[in-house]
Amino acid sequence: MTFKIINDKKKCIQCGACLAVCDDWEFDSDGLAQLKNVKYNDDKIGEKRVEDVGCNQQAKDVCPTDCIEINEE
Protein backbone atom coordinates (compact mmCIF):
# COMPACT_ATOMS: atom_id res chain seq x y z
CA MET A 1 0.00 0.00 0.00
CA THR A 2 1.21 3.49 -0.84
CA PHE A 3 0.32 6.76 0.84
CA LYS A 4 0.61 10.35 -0.34
CA ILE A 5 1.50 12.99 2.24
CA ILE A 6 0.44 16.48 1.17
CA ASN A 7 1.63 19.60 2.98
CA ASP A 8 0.11 23.04 2.39
CA LYS A 9 2.62 25.47 3.88
CA LYS A 10 0.20 28.40 3.41
CA LYS A 11 -1.79 27.05 6.38
CA CYS A 12 1.26 26.71 8.66
CA ILE A 13 1.33 28.91 11.78
CA GLN A 14 4.93 27.98 12.71
CA CYS A 15 3.93 26.20 15.93
CA GLY A 16 6.43 23.36 15.41
CA ALA A 17 4.06 20.63 16.61
CA CYS A 18 4.83 18.40 13.61
CA LEU A 19 8.58 18.79 14.15
CA ALA A 20 8.18 17.85 17.80
CA VAL A 21 6.67 14.44 16.96
CA CYS A 22 8.29 13.52 13.62
CA ASP A 23 11.84 13.79 12.25
CA ASP A 24 10.50 13.93 8.66
CA TRP A 25 9.68 17.63 9.17
CA GLU A 26 11.79 20.79 9.31
CA PHE A 27 11.35 24.56 9.17
CA ASP A 28 12.10 26.26 5.86
CA SER A 29 13.92 29.60 5.57
CA ASP A 30 10.61 31.44 6.20
CA GLY A 31 9.94 29.46 9.40
CA LEU A 32 7.19 27.33 7.85
CA ALA A 33 7.06 23.58 8.46
CA GLN A 34 7.86 21.38 5.49
CA LEU A 35 8.61 17.77 4.68
CA LYS A 36 12.33 17.15 4.35
CA ASN A 37 13.67 16.50 0.85
CA VAL A 38 10.42 17.50 -0.90
CA LYS A 39 10.12 20.06 -3.69
CA TYR A 40 7.26 22.51 -3.17
CA ASN A 41 5.34 24.16 -6.01
CA ASP A 42 4.64 27.89 -6.37
CA ASP A 43 1.49 27.48 -4.25
CA LYS A 44 3.67 26.17 -1.37
CA ILE A 45 2.26 22.66 -1.64
CA GLY A 46 4.52 19.64 -1.44
CA GLU A 47 3.76 15.94 -1.89
CA LYS A 48 5.62 12.81 -0.90
CA ARG A 49 4.72 9.18 -1.61
CA VAL A 50 5.64 6.64 1.06
CA GLU A 51 5.08 2.96 1.78
CA ASP A 52 4.84 3.57 5.53
CA VAL A 53 3.21 6.67 7.01
CA GLY A 54 5.22 6.30 10.22
CA CYS A 55 5.34 9.35 12.46
CA ASN A 56 3.71 11.51 9.77
CA GLN A 57 0.32 10.38 11.05
CA GLN A 58 1.23 11.86 14.44
CA ALA A 59 2.37 15.06 12.73
CA LYS A 60 -0.99 15.28 10.98
CA ASP A 61 -2.87 14.58 14.21
CA VAL A 62 -1.10 17.32 16.21
CA CYS A 63 -1.27 20.00 13.50
CA PRO A 64 -3.75 22.66 14.66
CA THR A 65 -4.35 24.02 11.14
CA ASP A 66 -4.78 20.78 9.16
CA CYS A 67 -1.98 21.68 6.77
CA ILE A 68 -1.00 17.99 6.54
CA GLU A 69 -3.11 15.53 4.58
CA ILE A 70 -2.49 11.80 4.18
CA ASN A 71 -4.24 9.84 1.44
CA GLU A 72 -4.14 6.14 0.71
CA GLU A 73 -3.38 5.40 -2.93
PDB file of N, CA and C in Angstrom:
ATOM      1  N   MET A   1       0.836  -1.173   0.000  1.00  0.00           N
ATOM      2  CA  MET A   1       0.000   0.000   0.000  1.00  0.00           C
ATOM      3  C   MET A   1       0.887   1.243   0.000  1.00  0.00           C
ATOM      4  N   THR A   2       0.469   2.247  -0.744  1.00  0.00           N
ATOM      5  CA  THR A   2       1.211   3.493  -0.838  1.00  0.00           C
ATOM      6  C   THR A   2       0.343   4.636  -0.308  1.00  0.00           C
ATOM      7  N   PHE A   3       1.005   5.599   0.303  1.00  0.00           N
ATOM      8  CA  PHE A   3       0.319   6.764   0.841  1.00  0.00           C
ATOM      9  C   PHE A   3       0.934   8.025   0.242  1.00  0.00           C
ATOM     10  N   LYS A   4       0.111   9.055   0.111  1.00  0.00           N
ATOM     11  CA  LYS A   4       0.610  10.345  -0.340  1.00  0.00           C
ATOM     12  C   LYS A   4       0.422  11.346   0.804  1.00  0.00           C
ATOM     13  N   ILE A   5       1.524  11.958   1.217  1.00  0.00           N
ATOM     14  CA  ILE A   5       1.497  12.987   2.243  1.00  0.00           C
ATOM     15  C   ILE A   5       1.526  14.334   1.517  1.00  0.00           C
ATOM     16  N   ILE A   6       0.555  15.167   1.805  1.00  0.00           N
ATOM     17  CA  ILE A   6       0.444  16.475   1.174  1.00  0.00           C
ATOM     18  C   ILE A   6       0.561  17.537   2.259  1.00  0.00           C
ATOM     19  N   ASN A   7       1.432  18.507   2.028  1.00  0.00           N
ATOM     20  CA  ASN A   7       1.625  19.596   2.984  1.00  0.00           C
ATOM     21  C   ASN A   7       1.350  20.928   2.299  1.00  0.00           C
ATOM     22  N   ASP A   8       0.434  21.696   2.875  1.00  0.00           N
ATOM     23  CA  ASP A   8       0.107  23.035   2.385  1.00  0.00           C
ATOM     24  C   ASP A   8       0.721  24.046   3.346  1.00  0.00           C
ATOM     25  N   LYS A   9       1.897  24.563   2.986  1.00  0.00           N
ATOM     26  CA  LYS A   9       2.620  25.470   3.876  1.00  0.00           C
ATOM     27  C   LYS A   9       1.889  26.792   4.097  1.00  0.00           C
ATOM     28  N   LYS A  10       0.944  27.151   3.234  1.00  0.00           N
ATOM     29  CA  LYS A  10       0.202  28.397   3.411  1.00  0.00           C
ATOM     30  C   LYS A  10      -0.635  28.370   4.690  1.00  0.00           C
ATOM     31  N   LYS A  11      -0.983  27.187   5.168  1.00  0.00           N
ATOM     32  CA  LYS A  11      -1.793  27.048   6.381  1.00  0.00           C
ATOM     33  C   LYS A  11      -0.943  26.991   7.656  1.00  0.00           C
ATOM     34  N   CYS A  12       0.360  26.882   7.514  1.00  0.00           N
ATOM     35  CA  CYS A  12       1.256  26.710   8.664  1.00  0.00           C
ATOM     36  C   CYS A  12       1.302  27.971   9.523  1.00  0.00           C
ATOM     37  N   ILE A  13       1.232  27.786  10.842  1.00  0.00           N
ATOM     38  CA  ILE A  13       1.330  28.910  11.783  1.00  0.00           C
ATOM     39  C   ILE A  13       2.650  28.870  12.570  1.00  0.00           C
ATOM     40  N   GLN A  14       3.582  28.055  12.138  1.00  0.00           N
ATOM     41  CA  GLN A  14       4.928  27.976  12.708  1.00  0.00           C
ATOM     42  C   GLN A  14       4.947  27.502  14.157  1.00  0.00           C
ATOM     43  N   CYS A  15       3.992  26.654  14.542  1.00  0.00           N
ATOM     44  CA  CYS A  15       3.935  26.200  15.935  1.00  0.00           C
ATOM     45  C   CYS A  15       4.974  25.114  16.232  1.00  0.00           C
ATOM     46  N   GLY A  16       5.411  24.377  15.216  1.00  0.00           N
ATOM     47  CA  GLY A  16       6.430  23.359  15.405  1.00  0.00           C
ATOM     48  C   GLY A  16       5.925  22.039  15.958  1.00  0.00           C
ATOM     49  N   ALA A  17       4.609  21.872  16.058  1.00  0.00           N
ATOM     50  CA  ALA A  17       4.059  20.625  16.605  1.00  0.00           C
ATOM     51  C   ALA A  17       4.485  19.413  15.787  1.00  0.00           C
ATOM     52  N   CYS A  18       4.452  19.532  14.464  1.00  0.00           N
ATOM     53  CA  CYS A  18       4.826  18.402  13.608  1.00  0.00           C
ATOM     54  C   CYS A  18       6.297  18.030  13.798  1.00  0.00           C
ATOM     55  N   LEU A  19       7.151  19.046  13.935  1.00  0.00           N
ATOM     56  CA  LEU A  19       8.576  18.787  14.149  1.00  0.00           C
ATOM     57  C   LEU A  19       8.828  18.106  15.485  1.00  0.00           C
ATOM     58  N   ALA A  20       7.998  18.417  16.465  1.00  0.00           N
ATOM     59  CA  ALA A  20       8.177  17.846  17.801  1.00  0.00           C
ATOM     60  C   ALA A  20       7.897  16.352  17.840  1.00  0.00           C
ATOM     61  N   VAL A  21       7.054  15.859  16.922  1.00  0.00           N
ATOM     62  CA  VAL A  21       6.675  14.443  16.959  1.00  0.00           C
ATOM     63  C   VAL A  21       7.238  13.623  15.803  1.00  0.00           C
ATOM     64  N   CYS A  22       7.838  14.285  14.802  1.00  0.00           N
ATOM     65  CA  CYS A  22       8.287  13.523  13.619  1.00  0.00           C
ATOM     66  C   CYS A  22       9.538  14.153  13.007  1.00  0.00           C
ATOM     67  N   ASP A  23      10.570  13.334  12.824  1.00  0.00           N
ATOM     68  CA  ASP A  23      11.838  13.792  12.248  1.00  0.00           C
ATOM     69  C   ASP A  23      11.778  14.023  10.737  1.00  0.00           C
ATOM     70  N   ASP A  24      10.641  13.710  10.099  1.00  0.00           N
ATOM     71  CA  ASP A  24      10.502  13.926   8.658  1.00  0.00           C
ATOM     72  C   ASP A  24      10.208  15.384   8.320  1.00  0.00           C
ATOM     73  N   TRP A  25      10.063  16.233   9.344  1.00  0.00           N
ATOM     74  CA  TRP A  25       9.677  17.629   9.168  1.00  0.00           C
ATOM     75  C   TRP A  25      10.788  18.564   9.609  1.00  0.00           C
ATOM     76  N   GLU A  26      10.817  19.759   8.980  1.00  0.00           N
ATOM     77  CA  GLU A  26      11.789  20.790   9.307  1.00  0.00           C
ATOM     78  C   GLU A  26      11.161  22.152   9.003  1.00  0.00           C
ATOM     79  N   PHE A  27      11.774  23.213   9.521  1.00  0.00           N
ATOM     80  CA  PHE A  27      11.346  24.556   9.167  1.00  0.00           C
ATOM     81  C   PHE A  27      12.114  25.005   7.931  1.00  0.00           C
ATOM     82  N   ASP A  28      11.419  25.686   7.012  1.00  0.00           N
ATOM     83  CA  ASP A  28      12.103  26.255   5.857  1.00  0.00           C
ATOM     84  C   ASP A  28      12.690  27.616   6.235  1.00  0.00           C
ATOM     85  N   SER A  29      13.262  28.323   5.290  1.00  0.00           N
ATOM     86  CA  SER A  29      13.916  29.602   5.572  1.00  0.00           C
ATOM     87  C   SER A  29      12.932  30.685   6.026  1.00  0.00           C
ATOM     88  N   ASP A  30      11.640  30.498   5.758  1.00  0.00           N
ATOM     89  CA  ASP A  30      10.606  31.436   6.205  1.00  0.00           C
ATOM     90  C   ASP A  30       9.999  31.039   7.548  1.00  0.00           C
ATOM     91  N   GLY A  31      10.469  29.929   8.121  1.00  0.00           N
ATOM     92  CA  GLY A  31       9.943  29.465   9.401  1.00  0.00           C
ATOM     93  C   GLY A  31       8.682  28.627   9.280  1.00  0.00           C
ATOM     94  N   LEU A  32       8.361  28.177   8.065  1.00  0.00           N
ATOM     95  CA  LEU A  32       7.190  27.328   7.849  1.00  0.00           C
ATOM     96  C   LEU A  32       7.602  25.860   7.856  1.00  0.00           C
ATOM     97  N   ALA A  33       6.751  25.015   8.406  1.00  0.00           N
ATOM     98  CA  ALA A  33       7.060  23.585   8.458  1.00  0.00           C
ATOM     99  C   ALA A  33       6.949  22.977   7.064  1.00  0.00           C
ATOM    100  N   GLN A  34       7.880  22.081   6.772  1.00  0.00           N
ATOM    101  CA  GLN A  34       7.858  21.381   5.492  1.00  0.00           C
ATOM    102  C   GLN A  34       8.432  19.990   5.655  1.00  0.00           C
ATOM    103  N   LEU A  35       8.027  19.108   4.739  1.00  0.00           N
ATOM    104  CA  LEU A  35       8.607  17.775   4.677  1.00  0.00           C
ATOM    105  C   LEU A  35      10.037  17.886   4.179  1.00  0.00           C
ATOM    106  N   LYS A  36      10.934  17.152   4.795  1.00  0.00           N
ATOM    107  CA  LYS A  36      12.326  17.153   4.352  1.00  0.00           C
ATOM    108  C   LYS A  36      12.435  16.518   2.970  1.00  0.00           C
ATOM    109  N   ASN A  37      13.344  17.043   2.170  1.00  0.00           N
ATOM    110  CA  ASN A  37      13.673  16.499   0.854  1.00  0.00           C
ATOM    111  C   ASN A  37      12.478  16.437  -0.096  1.00  0.00           C
ATOM    112  N   VAL A  38      11.584  17.419  -0.014  1.00  0.00           N
ATOM    113  CA  VAL A  38      10.419  17.497  -0.899  1.00  0.00           C
ATOM    114  C   VAL A  38      10.445  18.845  -1.605  1.00  0.00           C
ATOM    115  N   LYS A  39      10.203  18.825  -2.907  1.00  0.00           N
ATOM    116  CA  LYS A  39      10.121  20.056  -3.687  1.00  0.00           C
ATOM    117  C   LYS A  39       8.691  20.592  -3.599  1.00  0.00           C
ATOM    118  N   TYR A  40       8.557  21.861  -3.298  1.00  0.00           N
ATOM    119  CA  TYR A  40       7.256  22.510  -3.174  1.00  0.00           C
ATOM    120  C   TYR A  40       6.977  23.337  -4.426  1.00  0.00           C
ATOM    121  N   ASN A  41       5.704  23.372  -4.835  1.00  0.00           N
ATOM    122  CA  ASN A  41       5.345  24.159  -6.012  1.00  0.00           C
ATOM    123  C   ASN A  41       5.164  25.632  -5.638  1.00  0.00           C
ATOM    124  N   ASP A  42       4.793  26.453  -6.598  1.00  0.00           N
ATOM    125  CA  ASP A  42       4.643  27.891  -6.366  1.00  0.00           C
ATOM    126  C   ASP A  42       3.524  28.215  -5.383  1.00  0.00           C
ATOM    127  N   ASP A  43       2.588  27.294  -5.202  1.00  0.00           N
ATOM    128  CA  ASP A  43       1.493  27.477  -4.246  1.00  0.00           C
ATOM    129  C   ASP A  43       1.869  26.997  -2.847  1.00  0.00           C
ATOM    130  N   LYS A  44       3.144  26.666  -2.651  1.00  0.00           N
ATOM    131  CA  LYS A  44       3.675  26.173  -1.372  1.00  0.00           C
ATOM    132  C   LYS A  44       3.052  24.849  -0.943  1.00  0.00           C
ATOM    133  N   ILE A  45       2.785  23.990  -1.920  1.00  0.00           N
ATOM    134  CA  ILE A  45       2.258  22.663  -1.637  1.00  0.00           C
ATOM    135  C   ILE A  45       3.297  21.634  -2.066  1.00  0.00           C
ATOM    136  N   GLY A  46       3.572  20.704  -1.155  1.00  0.00           N
ATOM    137  CA  GLY A  46       4.521  19.639  -1.435  1.00  0.00           C
ATOM    138  C   GLY A  46       3.865  18.293  -1.222  1.00  0.00           C
ATOM    139  N   GLU A  47       4.309  17.293  -1.986  1.00  0.00           N
ATOM    140  CA  GLU A  47       3.762  15.944  -1.893  1.00  0.00           C
ATOM    141  C   GLU A  47       4.897  14.933  -1.810  1.00  0.00           C
ATOM    142  N   LYS A  48       4.636  13.881  -1.043  1.00  0.00           N
ATOM    143  CA  LYS A  48       5.619  12.807  -0.905  1.00  0.00           C
ATOM    144  C   LYS A  48       4.870  11.484  -0.846  1.00  0.00           C
ATOM    145  N   ARG A  49       5.312  10.517  -1.635  1.00  0.00           N
ATOM    146  CA  ARG A  49       4.719   9.180  -1.607  1.00  0.00           C
ATOM    147  C   ARG A  49       5.583   8.279  -0.741  1.00  0.00           C
ATOM    148  N   VAL A  50       4.924   7.523   0.140  1.00  0.00           N
ATOM    149  CA  VAL A  50       5.639   6.639   1.061  1.00  0.00           C
ATOM    150  C   VAL A  50       4.916   5.307   1.168  1.00  0.00           C
ATOM    151  N   GLU A  51       5.657   4.279   1.532  1.00  0.00           N
ATOM    152  CA  GLU A  51       5.077   2.959   1.782  1.00  0.00           C
ATOM    153  C   GLU A  51       4.541   2.869   3.210  1.00  0.00           C
ATOM    154  N   ASP A  52       5.199   3.603   4.108  1.00  0.00           N
ATOM    155  CA  ASP A  52       4.842   3.573   5.528  1.00  0.00           C
ATOM    156  C   ASP A  52       4.671   5.008   6.013  1.00  0.00           C
ATOM    157  N   VAL A  53       3.513   5.320   6.535  1.00  0.00           N
ATOM    158  CA  VAL A  53       3.215   6.670   7.006  1.00  0.00           C
ATOM    159  C   VAL A  53       4.092   7.035   8.191  1.00  0.00           C
ATOM    160  N   GLY A  54       4.359   6.069   9.058  1.00  0.00           N
ATOM    161  CA  GLY A  54       5.219   6.300  10.216  1.00  0.00           C
ATOM    162  C   GLY A  54       4.731   7.442  11.087  1.00  0.00           C
ATOM    163  N   CYS A  55       5.667   8.260  11.543  1.00  0.00           N
ATOM    164  CA  CYS A  55       5.335   9.346  12.460  1.00  0.00           C
ATOM    165  C   CYS A  55       4.583  10.488  11.781  1.00  0.00           C
ATOM    166  N   ASN A  56       4.447  10.449  10.457  1.00  0.00           N
ATOM    167  CA  ASN A  56       3.712  11.505   9.769  1.00  0.00           C
ATOM    168  C   ASN A  56       2.241  11.535  10.165  1.00  0.00           C
ATOM    169  N   GLN A  57       1.701  10.397  10.567  1.00  0.00           N
ATOM    170  CA  GLN A  57       0.316  10.382  11.053  1.00  0.00           C
ATOM    171  C   GLN A  57       0.212  11.200  12.349  1.00  0.00           C
ATOM    172  N   GLN A  58       1.205  11.052  13.211  1.00  0.00           N
ATOM    173  CA  GLN A  58       1.231  11.856  14.438  1.00  0.00           C
ATOM    174  C   GLN A  58       1.363  13.338  14.109  1.00  0.00           C
ATOM    175  N   ALA A  59       2.204  13.664  13.141  1.00  0.00           N
ATOM    176  CA  ALA A  59       2.374  15.056  12.733  1.00  0.00           C
ATOM    177  C   ALA A  59       1.052  15.630  12.245  1.00  0.00           C
ATOM    178  N   LYS A  60       0.328  14.853  11.456  1.00  0.00           N
ATOM    179  CA  LYS A  60      -0.992  15.277  10.976  1.00  0.00           C
ATOM    180  C   LYS A  60      -1.946  15.476  12.149  1.00  0.00           C
ATOM    181  N   ASP A  61      -1.940  14.541  13.074  1.00  0.00           N
ATOM    182  CA  ASP A  61      -2.871  14.580  14.208  1.00  0.00           C
ATOM    183  C   ASP A  61      -2.644  15.781  15.128  1.00  0.00           C
ATOM    184  N   VAL A  62      -1.387  16.210  15.293  1.00  0.00           N
ATOM    185  CA  VAL A  62      -1.103  17.322  16.210  1.00  0.00           C
ATOM    186  C   VAL A  62      -1.159  18.689  15.531  1.00  0.00           C
ATOM    187  N   CYS A  63      -1.249  18.724  14.221  1.00  0.00           N
ATOM    188  CA  CYS A  63      -1.268  19.999  13.498  1.00  0.00           C
ATOM    189  C   CYS A  63      -2.588  20.732  13.755  1.00  0.00           C
ATOM    190  N   PRO A  64      -2.517  21.935  14.341  1.00  0.00           N
ATOM    191  CA  PRO A  64      -3.753  22.658  14.663  1.00  0.00           C
ATOM    192  C   PRO A  64      -4.438  23.296  13.461  1.00  0.00           C
ATOM    193  N   THR A  65      -3.761  23.354  12.299  1.00  0.00           N
ATOM    194  CA  THR A  65      -4.347  24.021  11.137  1.00  0.00           C
ATOM    195  C   THR A  65      -4.652  23.079   9.978  1.00  0.00           C
ATOM    196  N   ASP A  66      -4.502  21.779  10.204  1.00  0.00           N
ATOM    197  CA  ASP A  66      -4.785  20.780   9.156  1.00  0.00           C
ATOM    198  C   ASP A  66      -4.012  21.050   7.863  1.00  0.00           C
ATOM    199  N   CYS A  67      -2.758  21.442   7.987  1.00  0.00           N
ATOM    200  CA  CYS A  67      -1.977  21.680   6.768  1.00  0.00           C
ATOM    201  C   CYS A  67      -1.321  20.395   6.257  1.00  0.00           C
ATOM    202  N   ILE A  68      -1.540  19.285   6.948  1.00  0.00           N
ATOM    203  CA  ILE A  68      -0.996  17.992   6.535  1.00  0.00           C
ATOM    204  C   ILE A  68      -2.155  17.065   6.195  1.00  0.00           C
ATOM    205  N   GLU A  69      -2.088  16.463   5.031  1.00  0.00           N
ATOM    206  CA  GLU A  69      -3.111  15.527   4.581  1.00  0.00           C
ATOM    207  C   GLU A  69      -2.418  14.223   4.211  1.00  0.00           C
ATOM    208  N   ILE A  70      -3.039  13.100   4.551  1.00  0.00           N
ATOM    209  CA  ILE A  70      -2.490  11.796   4.184  1.00  0.00           C
ATOM    210  C   ILE A  70      -3.587  11.015   3.471  1.00  0.00           C
ATOM    211  N   ASN A  71      -3.283  10.598   2.244  1.00  0.00           N
ATOM    212  CA  ASN A  71      -4.243   9.841   1.437  1.00  0.00           C
ATOM    213  C   ASN A  71      -3.682   8.473   1.080  1.00  0.00           C
ATOM    214  N   GLU A  72      -4.528   7.474   1.146  1.00  0.00           N
ATOM    215  CA  GLU A  72      -4.135   6.135   0.707  1.00  0.00           C
ATOM    216  C   GLU A  72      -4.292   6.077  -0.798  1.00  0.00           C
ATOM    217  N   GLU A  73      -3.300   5.497  -1.472  1.00  0.00           N
ATOM    218  CA  GLU A  73      -3.376   5.395  -2.929  1.00  0.00           C
ATOM    219  C   GLU A  73      -3.610   3.977  -3.366  1.00  0.00           C
TER     220      GLU A  73
END
